[in-house]
Protein backbone atom coordinates (compact mmCIF):
# COMPACT_ATOMS: atom_id res chain seq x y z
CA MET A 1 0.00 0.00 0.00
CA LYS A 2 2.84 2.39 0.88
CA ARG A 3 4.54 1.64 -2.44
CA ILE A 4 1.39 2.41 -4.40
CA PHE A 5 0.91 5.67 -2.51
CA ALA A 6 4.56 6.63 -3.15
CA LEU A 7 4.19 5.79 -6.85
CA VAL A 8 1.01 7.88 -7.14
CA MET A 9 2.71 10.83 -5.38
CA CYS A 10 5.70 10.61 -7.75
CA ILE A 11 3.38 10.62 -10.78
CA VAL A 12 1.42 13.61 -9.42
CA MET A 13 4.66 15.51 -8.76
CA LEU A 14 6.00 14.77 -12.24
CA LEU A 15 2.75 15.86 -13.88
CA SER A 16 2.58 19.06 -11.83
CA MET A 17 6.16 19.95 -12.83
CA GLY A 18 5.16 19.80 -16.48
CA CYS A 19 2.38 22.35 -16.00
CA THR A 20 3.61 25.88 -16.58
CA LYS A 21 1.91 29.20 -16.64
CA GLU A 22 2.54 31.43 -19.65
CA THR A 23 4.35 34.61 -18.72
CA GLU A 24 4.31 37.98 -20.38
CA GLU A 25 7.54 38.92 -22.12
CA ILE A 26 9.22 42.20 -21.26
CA ASN A 27 9.92 44.29 -24.34
CA VAL A 28 13.34 45.89 -24.34
CA LYS A 29 13.76 49.11 -26.31
CA GLU A 30 16.87 49.92 -28.35
CA THR A 31 18.12 52.13 -25.47
CA GLY A 32 18.21 49.13 -23.16
CA THR A 33 15.34 50.24 -20.91
CA GLU A 34 12.44 47.98 -20.11
CA ASP A 35 8.75 48.82 -20.61
CA ASN A 36 7.36 46.74 -17.75
CA VAL A 37 9.68 47.56 -14.87
CA VAL A 38 8.14 47.12 -11.44
CA GLN A 39 9.50 49.52 -8.81
CA GLY A 40 9.52 48.62 -5.16
CA GLY A 41 8.44 45.37 -3.65
CA MET A 42 10.57 42.63 -2.16
CA LEU A 43 12.96 40.20 -3.78
CA THR A 44 13.62 37.04 -1.82
CA VAL A 45 16.86 35.22 -2.63
CA SER A 46 17.88 31.92 -1.13
CA SER A 47 21.43 31.81 0.14
CA ARG A 48 23.59 30.32 2.83
CA ARG A 49 23.68 32.39 5.99
CA PRO A 50 26.36 35.00 5.25
CA ASP A 51 29.51 34.90 7.33
CA THR A 52 30.05 38.59 6.45
CA PHE A 53 28.62 41.29 4.21
CA ASN A 54 32.05 41.93 2.70
CA PRO A 55 32.35 40.10 -0.65
CA LEU A 56 36.15 40.31 -0.34
CA SER A 57 36.30 38.22 2.81
CA THR A 58 33.38 35.79 2.65
CA ASN A 59 34.24 32.10 2.63
CA TYR A 60 31.11 31.11 0.70
CA GLU A 61 30.83 31.41 -3.08
CA SER A 62 27.02 31.64 -2.89
CA CYS A 63 27.28 34.63 -0.53
CA ARG A 64 29.93 36.27 -2.71
CA GLU A 65 27.69 36.01 -5.77
CA LEU A 66 24.78 37.49 -3.84
CA LEU A 67 26.91 40.34 -2.48
CA TYR A 68 28.00 41.23 -6.03
CA LEU A 69 24.46 42.57 -6.42
CA PHE A 70 25.36 45.30 -3.91
CA TYR A 71 28.98 46.09 -4.78
CA ASP A 72 30.65 47.23 -8.00
CA GLY A 73 34.23 46.86 -9.18
CA LEU A 74 36.43 49.30 -11.07
CA PHE A 75 36.10 47.22 -14.24
CA THR A 76 33.66 44.64 -15.52
CA LEU A 77 33.32 42.44 -18.57
CA ASP A 78 30.77 42.87 -21.33
CA GLU A 79 28.84 40.00 -22.92
CA ASP A 80 31.86 39.26 -25.18
CA PHE A 81 34.26 39.23 -22.19
CA ASN A 82 35.89 42.52 -23.17
CA VAL A 83 37.06 44.81 -20.34
CA LYS A 84 34.60 47.63 -19.72
CA ARG A 85 35.01 50.58 -17.36
CA ASN A 86 32.57 50.46 -14.47
CA LEU A 87 33.62 52.86 -11.69
CA VAL A 88 36.47 54.22 -13.80
CA ALA A 89 36.16 57.43 -15.81
CA GLU A 90 39.35 56.72 -17.75
CA TYR A 91 42.50 54.68 -17.50
CA THR A 92 45.85 54.60 -19.25
CA MET A 93 48.35 51.77 -19.38
CA ALA A 94 52.01 52.83 -19.62
CA LYS A 95 53.85 51.82 -22.81
CA ASP A 96 56.10 49.47 -20.82
CA CYS A 97 52.96 47.91 -19.23
CA LEU A 98 54.45 48.41 -15.75
CA SER A 99 51.87 50.93 -14.51
CA ILE A 100 48.25 51.87 -15.02
CA ARG A 101 46.76 55.29 -14.22
CA ILE A 102 43.11 55.11 -13.12
CA LYS A 103 40.75 58.06 -12.74
CA VAL A 104 37.70 57.24 -10.60
CA LYS A 105 34.30 58.41 -11.92
CA ASP A 106 32.72 61.47 -10.33
CA GLY A 107 29.35 61.11 -8.64
CA ILE A 108 29.81 57.56 -7.35
CA THR A 109 28.59 57.39 -3.75
CA PHE A 110 28.34 54.81 -1.01
CA ALA A 111 25.07 54.07 0.80
CA ASP A 112 25.98 56.66 3.45
CA GLY A 113 26.32 59.38 0.78
CA SER A 114 30.13 59.67 0.89
CA SER A 115 31.92 59.81 -2.46
CA LEU A 116 34.16 57.10 -3.86
CA SER A 117 37.77 58.30 -3.89
CA SER A 118 41.21 57.02 -4.77
CA ASP A 119 41.75 56.41 -1.02
CA ASP A 120 38.88 53.89 -1.12
CA VAL A 121 40.44 52.09 -4.08
CA LYS A 122 43.82 51.94 -2.31
CA TYR A 123 42.16 50.68 0.88
CA THR A 124 40.41 47.90 -1.04
CA ILE A 125 43.60 46.79 -2.80
CA ASP A 126 45.52 46.83 0.50
CA TYR A 127 42.70 44.88 2.19
CA ILE A 128 42.82 42.16 -0.46
CA ARG A 129 46.62 41.96 -0.29
CA GLU A 130 46.59 41.61 3.51
CA ASN A 131 43.63 39.24 3.84
CA GLY A 132 43.93 37.01 0.79
CA GLY A 133 40.73 35.49 -0.45
CA SER A 134 39.47 34.81 -3.95
CA PHE A 135 40.66 38.19 -5.28
CA SER A 136 44.27 37.86 -4.10
CA GLY A 137 45.33 36.71 -7.57
CA CYS A 138 44.00 39.96 -9.03
CA VAL A 139 46.38 42.10 -6.95
CA LYS A 140 49.48 39.91 -6.68
CA ASN A 141 51.23 41.81 -9.51
CA ILE A 142 50.65 45.23 -7.88
CA LYS A 143 53.95 46.56 -6.52
CA SER A 144 52.54 49.81 -5.14
CA VAL A 145 49.51 52.08 -5.18
CA VAL A 146 50.26 55.79 -5.58
CA ILE A 147 47.49 58.30 -4.92
CA ASN A 148 47.86 61.30 -7.26
CA ASP A 149 44.78 63.15 -6.03
CA ASP A 150 41.28 62.47 -4.72
CA ASP A 151 40.14 60.76 -7.90
CA GLU A 152 43.33 59.40 -9.49
CA ILE A 153 45.68 56.56 -8.58
CA VAL A 154 48.60 54.85 -10.27
CA LEU A 155 49.15 51.13 -9.84
CA GLU A 156 52.78 50.16 -10.32
CA LEU A 157 53.28 46.53 -11.31
CA TYR A 158 56.08 44.05 -10.65
CA ASN A 159 55.86 42.55 -14.15
CA PRO A 160 54.51 43.98 -17.41
CA GLU A 161 50.86 43.07 -17.88
CA ALA A 162 49.14 44.64 -20.89
CA ASN A 163 45.70 43.29 -19.97
CA PHE A 164 45.85 44.18 -16.29
CA ALA A 165 42.49 45.96 -16.26
């Protein structure tokens, strides 16, 4: 009797998984904006209990991926895996590929309203270098971080690296 009940439950579950509700497609305009954007509300995401809210020091990949929704990097990759400026207004690689000058975008603010500065970039690089983690490979070639002014830094490298960004 238990086997028959279990078999019936399995069949019901399999049939219910095949039933789907049609959803309305969101039309995307040429400018990349969406017509049917819903503002507000709550998004519930399942994740392991975070050990920290710092994506640089979490020990859990699932938490790191979730925290990426709240933090941005200097650079990102586009859909073709080309480097794209994110929090960077402009950058220049030296001809010898031993340094990169980075100018931070104006108008980037933290949740508390303070502006992103070159000091914040230096702090983050130093934090990664001191604490290791999954980003330590990204900064291992950085010899020094020189702050030129509030929105410009120069990263000096140990070895030439043309694609450092």
